[in-house]
Amino acid sequence: MLQIFKKISPPNLNVKIYDLSVQSVRDRINLLIKNGLGGLVLVVIILFLFLSGRVAFWVAFGIPIALAGTLRGNAYIRPDNKYG
């Protein structure tokens, strides 16, 4: 990525990388995704064990939608506002 930027930038522009913590952040995000998907698989297996297949499917389908809606709703809540 840096090499591409250097090719398209003017020759008198000097670009240096000071912090290489991006890789550790990517690793943590990938770990969160891996653990989240593993947990979702376990929840779906438990749902299919205790509920009928159709109900388990719709409940499992609703879990990511509810999570996305929660995260989207939290984007509109200001941190200094106690009650939304």
Protein backbone atom coordinates (compact mmCIF):
# COMPACT_ATOMS: atom_id res chain seq x y z
CA MET A 1 0.00 0.00 0.00
CA LEU A 2 2.82 2.38 0.87
CA GLN A 3 4.65 1.53 -2.35
CA ILE A 4 1.55 2.39 -4.40
CA PHE A 5 1.20 5.70 -2.58
CA LYS A 6 4.87 6.53 -3.18
CA LYS A 7 4.45 5.84 -6.92
CA ILE A 8 1.52 8.22 -7.31
CA SER A 9 2.82 10.95 -4.98
CA PRO A 10 5.20 13.74 -6.02
CA PRO A 11 8.90 12.88 -5.73
CA ASN A 12 9.60 15.64 -3.20
CA LEU A 13 7.03 14.17 -0.74
CA ASN A 14 8.68 12.07 1.96
CA VAL A 15 6.50 9.45 3.67
CA LYS A 16 7.61 7.58 6.77
CA ILE A 17 5.81 4.99 8.90
CA TYR A 18 6.14 5.71 12.60
CA ASP A 19 3.78 3.19 14.16
CA LEU A 20 3.26 -0.34 12.94
CA SER A 21 0.44 -1.20 15.34
CA VAL A 22 -1.96 -1.67 12.44
CA GLN A 23 -1.12 -5.36 12.19
CA SER A 24 -1.89 -6.00 15.86
CA VAL A 25 -5.25 -4.23 15.45
CA ARG A 26 -6.02 -6.35 12.38
CA ASP A 27 -5.08 -9.49 14.31
CA ARG A 28 -7.41 -8.54 17.15
CA ILE A 29 -10.28 -7.80 14.79
CA ASN A 30 -9.75 -11.13 13.03
CA LEU A 31 -9.74 -12.89 16.41
CA LEU A 32 -13.01 -11.18 17.37
CA ILE A 33 -14.60 -12.24 14.08
CA LYS A 34 -13.34 -15.81 14.45
CA ASN A 35 -14.62 -16.08 18.03
CA GLY A 36 -17.93 -14.45 17.11
CA LEU A 37 -18.55 -16.86 14.26
CA GLY A 38 -17.58 -19.81 16.44
CA GLY A 39 -19.99 -18.65 19.14
CA LEU A 40 -22.75 -18.17 16.57
CA VAL A 41 -22.24 -21.73 15.31
CA LEU A 42 -22.49 -23.07 18.86
CA VAL A 43 -25.66 -21.06 19.51
CA VAL A 44 -27.22 -22.35 16.28
CA ILE A 45 -26.38 -25.94 17.23
CA ILE A 46 -27.98 -25.48 20.65
CA LEU A 47 -31.04 -23.87 19.05
CA PHE A 48 -31.48 -26.80 16.69
CA LEU A 49 -31.19 -29.23 19.60
CA PHE A 50 -33.94 -27.61 21.67
CA LEU A 51 -36.25 -26.01 19.08
CA SER A 52 -37.82 -27.17 15.86
CA GLY A 53 -35.70 -26.57 12.78
CA ARG A 54 -37.86 -23.78 11.40
CA VAL A 55 -37.98 -21.80 14.64
CA ALA A 56 -34.26 -22.35 15.23
CA PHE A 57 -33.49 -21.02 11.76
CA TRP A 58 -35.47 -17.81 12.28
CA VAL A 59 -34.03 -17.22 15.73
CA ALA A 60 -30.51 -17.76 14.38
CA PHE A 61 -31.32 -15.45 11.46
CA GLY A 62 -32.49 -12.74 13.85
CA ILE A 63 -29.39 -12.74 16.06
CA PRO A 64 -27.08 -10.89 13.61
CA ILE A 65 -29.90 -8.54 12.61
CA ALA A 66 -30.56 -7.64 16.25
CA LEU A 67 -26.85 -7.11 16.84
CA ALA A 68 -26.54 -4.88 13.75
CA GLY A 69 -29.59 -2.89 14.81
CA THR A 70 -28.16 -2.42 18.29
CA LEU A 71 -24.84 -1.18 16.94
CA ARG A 72 -26.62 1.10 14.48
CA GLY A 73 -28.85 2.49 17.22
CA ASN A 74 -25.88 3.12 19.49
CA ALA A 75 -24.34 5.29 16.79
CA TYR A 76 -27.14 7.81 17.33
CA ILE A 77 -26.89 7.97 21.12
CA ARG A 78 -24.69 10.74 22.45
CA PRO A 79 -22.32 9.72 25.27
CA ASP A 80 -23.38 12.64 27.51
CA ASN A 81 -27.07 11.84 27.20
CA LYS A 82 -28.18 9.44 29.95
CA TYR A 83 -31.52 8.36 28.52
CA GLY A 84 -30.96 8.40 24.79
